[in-house]
């Protein structure tokens, strides 16, 4: 069974290296695209609540968000 596709849908953040140049970006109508949410929280069972909270605070900070944007998580 050899299958192939002419098109697919991926997140920009999943593309690396020359894949970015080989992929064409196509806008999807907002009412068709749906919503994607990434959640973050400190696990209740964490053995290091303070460190976990510090990580969450960093991710939500301007510096942390800059890292996400640098790697195309927009």
N, C-alpha and C. Protein backbone atom coordinates (compact mmCIF):
# COMPACT_ATOMS: atom_id res chain seq x y z
N UNK A 1 0.84 -1.17 0.00
CA UNK A 1 0.00 0.00 0.00
C UNK A 1 0.89 1.24 0.00
N UNK A 2 0.97 1.93 -1.11
CA UNK A 2 1.77 3.14 -1.23
C UNK A 2 0.82 4.31 -1.42
N UNK A 3 0.68 5.13 -0.37
CA UNK A 3 -0.23 6.27 -0.49
C UNK A 3 0.56 7.56 -0.44
N UNK A 4 -0.01 8.58 -1.03
CA UNK A 4 0.63 9.89 -1.03
C UNK A 4 -0.46 10.94 -1.00
N UNK A 5 -0.04 12.17 -0.73
CA UNK A 5 -0.99 13.28 -0.70
C UNK A 5 -0.37 14.49 -1.39
N UNK A 6 -1.20 15.29 -2.00
CA UNK A 6 -0.75 16.52 -2.64
C UNK A 6 -0.79 17.71 -1.69
N UNK A 7 -1.50 17.56 -0.57
CA UNK A 7 -1.63 18.66 0.38
C UNK A 7 -1.89 18.10 1.76
N UNK A 8 -1.60 18.90 2.74
CA UNK A 8 -1.87 18.53 4.12
C UNK A 8 -1.93 19.79 4.96
N UNK A 9 -2.37 19.65 6.18
CA UNK A 9 -2.43 20.78 7.10
C UNK A 9 -1.49 20.49 8.25
N UNK A 10 -0.61 21.45 8.51
CA UNK A 10 0.33 21.33 9.62
C UNK A 10 0.39 22.66 10.36
N UNK A 11 0.89 22.63 11.57
CA UNK A 11 1.16 23.85 12.31
C UNK A 11 2.50 24.40 11.84
N UNK A 12 2.62 25.73 11.70
CA UNK A 12 3.90 26.33 11.31
C UNK A 12 5.00 25.91 12.26
N UNK A 13 4.69 25.75 13.52
CA UNK A 13 5.70 25.39 14.51
C UNK A 13 6.25 23.98 14.30
N UNK A 14 5.56 23.15 13.52
CA UNK A 14 6.05 21.79 13.25
C UNK A 14 7.05 21.74 12.10
N UNK A 15 7.17 22.82 11.36
CA UNK A 15 8.08 22.85 10.22
C UNK A 15 9.46 23.32 10.65
N UNK A 16 10.49 22.61 10.18
CA UNK A 16 11.86 22.98 10.53
C UNK A 16 12.71 23.04 9.26
N UNK A 17 13.80 23.80 9.34
CA UNK A 17 14.76 23.85 8.25
C UNK A 17 14.14 24.21 6.92
N UNK A 18 14.52 23.45 5.90
CA UNK A 18 14.05 23.78 4.55
C UNK A 18 12.57 23.48 4.34
N UNK A 19 11.94 22.79 5.29
CA UNK A 19 10.50 22.56 5.18
C UNK A 19 9.74 23.88 5.15
N UNK A 20 10.28 24.89 5.84
CA UNK A 20 9.62 26.20 5.86
C UNK A 20 9.55 26.80 4.46
N UNK A 21 10.60 26.59 3.65
CA UNK A 21 10.62 27.13 2.30
C UNK A 21 9.77 26.30 1.34
N UNK A 22 9.60 25.03 1.64
CA UNK A 22 8.84 24.15 0.74
C UNK A 22 7.35 24.20 0.98
N UNK A 23 6.94 24.77 2.10
CA UNK A 23 5.51 24.81 2.43
C UNK A 23 4.92 26.15 2.03
N UNK A 24 3.75 26.12 1.46
CA UNK A 24 3.02 27.34 1.13
C UNK A 24 2.01 27.61 2.23
N UNK A 25 1.97 28.84 2.67
CA UNK A 25 1.01 29.23 3.69
C UNK A 25 -0.28 29.67 3.03
N UNK A 26 -1.38 29.11 3.47
CA UNK A 26 -2.70 29.45 2.94
C UNK A 26 -3.58 29.84 4.11
N UNK A 27 -4.18 31.00 4.01
CA UNK A 27 -5.07 31.46 5.07
C UNK A 27 -6.35 30.63 5.08
N UNK A 28 -6.80 30.29 6.25
CA UNK A 28 -8.05 29.55 6.42
C UNK A 28 -9.06 30.50 7.04
N UNK A 29 -10.24 30.54 6.49
CA UNK A 29 -11.29 31.41 7.02
C UNK A 29 -11.44 31.15 8.52
N UNK A 30 -11.48 32.20 9.33
CA UNK A 30 -11.58 32.02 10.78
C UNK A 30 -12.74 31.15 11.23
N UNK A 31 -13.90 31.24 10.55
CA UNK A 31 -15.05 30.44 10.96
C UNK A 31 -14.87 28.96 10.61
N UNK A 32 -13.89 28.63 9.76
CA UNK A 32 -13.60 27.24 9.42
C UNK A 32 -12.43 26.68 10.23
N UNK A 33 -11.60 27.57 10.74
CA UNK A 33 -10.35 27.15 11.37
C UNK A 33 -10.53 26.60 12.78
N UNK A 34 -11.54 27.02 13.48
CA UNK A 34 -11.71 26.58 14.86
C UNK A 34 -10.72 27.31 15.76
N UNK A 35 -10.60 26.82 16.96
CA UNK A 35 -9.75 27.46 17.96
C UNK A 35 -8.78 26.44 18.54
N UNK A 36 -7.56 26.86 18.71
CA UNK A 36 -6.55 25.99 19.33
C UNK A 36 -6.09 26.68 20.60
N UNK A 37 -6.13 25.96 21.70
CA UNK A 37 -5.68 26.50 22.96
C UNK A 37 -4.65 25.56 23.56
N UNK A 38 -3.55 26.12 24.02
CA UNK A 38 -2.55 25.36 24.74
C UNK A 38 -2.65 25.76 26.21
N UNK A 39 -2.85 24.80 27.06
CA UNK A 39 -3.02 25.07 28.48
C UNK A 39 -1.72 24.84 29.22
N UNK A 40 -1.54 25.52 30.34
CA UNK A 40 -0.39 25.32 31.20
C UNK A 40 -0.86 25.43 32.64
N UNK A 41 -0.34 24.56 33.49
CA UNK A 41 -0.72 24.57 34.90
C UNK A 41 0.32 23.81 35.70
N UNK A 42 0.30 24.02 36.98
CA UNK A 42 1.14 23.25 37.90
C UNK A 42 0.33 22.03 38.33
N UNK A 43 0.89 20.86 38.16
CA UNK A 43 0.21 19.62 38.54
C UNK A 43 0.05 19.56 40.06
N UNK A 44 -1.13 19.16 40.52
CA UNK A 44 -1.38 19.06 41.96
C UNK A 44 -0.37 18.15 42.65
N UNK A 45 0.04 17.10 41.97
CA UNK A 45 0.95 16.13 42.57
C UNK A 45 2.42 16.47 42.40
N UNK A 46 2.72 17.65 41.90
CA UNK A 46 4.11 18.04 41.69
C UNK A 46 4.88 17.99 43.00
N UNK A 47 6.08 17.42 42.95
CA UNK A 47 6.91 17.36 44.16
C UNK A 47 7.72 18.64 44.35
N UNK A 48 7.66 19.56 43.37
CA UNK A 48 8.35 20.83 43.50
C UNK A 48 7.45 21.94 42.98
N UNK A 49 6.44 22.26 43.76
CA UNK A 49 5.44 23.26 43.38
C UNK A 49 6.07 24.62 43.06
N UNK A 50 7.06 25.03 43.85
CA UNK A 50 7.66 26.35 43.64
C UNK A 50 8.37 26.42 42.29
N UNK A 51 9.13 25.39 41.95
CA UNK A 51 9.84 25.37 40.66
C UNK A 51 8.84 25.31 39.50
N UNK A 52 7.81 24.50 39.65
CA UNK A 52 6.79 24.39 38.61
C UNK A 52 6.09 25.74 38.41
N UNK A 53 5.76 26.42 39.50
CA UNK A 53 5.13 27.74 39.41
C UNK A 53 6.06 28.74 38.75
N UNK A 54 7.35 28.67 39.06
CA UNK A 54 8.33 29.56 38.42
C UNK A 54 8.37 29.33 36.92
N UNK A 55 8.30 28.05 36.51
CA UNK A 55 8.29 27.74 35.08
C UNK A 55 7.06 28.32 34.40
N UNK A 56 5.89 28.12 35.00
CA UNK A 56 4.65 28.66 34.44
C UNK A 56 4.75 30.17 34.33
N UNK A 57 5.25 30.81 35.38
CA UNK A 57 5.39 32.27 35.37
C UNK A 57 6.31 32.71 34.24
N UNK A 58 7.41 31.97 34.02
CA UNK A 58 8.33 32.32 32.94
C UNK A 58 7.66 32.17 31.58
N UNK A 59 6.98 31.06 31.36
CA UNK A 59 6.32 30.83 30.06
C UNK A 59 5.33 31.95 29.76
N UNK A 60 4.63 32.44 30.77
CA UNK A 60 3.63 33.47 30.57
C UNK A 60 4.22 34.88 30.52
N UNK A 61 5.49 35.02 30.87
CA UNK A 61 6.14 36.33 30.87
C UNK A 61 6.47 36.78 29.44
N UNK A 62 6.83 38.05 29.29
CA UNK A 62 7.22 38.58 27.99
C UNK A 62 8.42 37.81 27.43
N UNK A 63 9.41 37.50 28.28
CA UNK A 63 10.58 36.75 27.81
C UNK A 63 10.19 35.35 27.36
N UNK A 64 9.34 34.69 28.12
CA UNK A 64 8.89 33.34 27.74
C UNK A 64 8.09 33.35 26.46
N UNK A 65 7.21 34.31 26.31
CA UNK A 65 6.41 34.43 25.09
C UNK A 65 7.29 34.72 23.88
N UNK A 66 8.37 35.47 24.09
CA UNK A 66 9.31 35.75 22.99
C UNK A 66 9.95 34.47 22.48
N UNK A 67 10.22 33.53 23.39
CA UNK A 67 10.78 32.23 22.98
C UNK A 67 9.77 31.49 22.10
N UNK A 68 8.52 31.47 22.53
CA UNK A 68 7.48 30.80 21.74
C UNK A 68 7.35 31.42 20.36
N UNK A 69 7.37 32.74 20.29
CA UNK A 69 7.25 33.42 18.99
C UNK A 69 8.48 33.15 18.12
N UNK A 70 9.65 33.08 18.74
CA UNK A 70 10.87 32.80 17.98
C UNK A 70 10.77 31.44 17.28
N UNK A 71 10.09 30.48 17.91
CA UNK A 71 9.95 29.16 17.33
C UNK A 71 8.58 28.96 16.68
N UNK A 72 7.94 30.07 16.32
CA UNK A 72 6.73 30.12 15.51
C UNK A 72 5.49 29.53 16.20
N UNK A 73 5.42 29.54 17.53
CA UNK A 73 4.19 29.18 18.23
C UNK A 73 3.40 30.48 18.37
N UNK A 74 2.52 30.75 17.40
CA UNK A 74 1.81 32.04 17.39
C UNK A 74 0.33 31.83 17.54
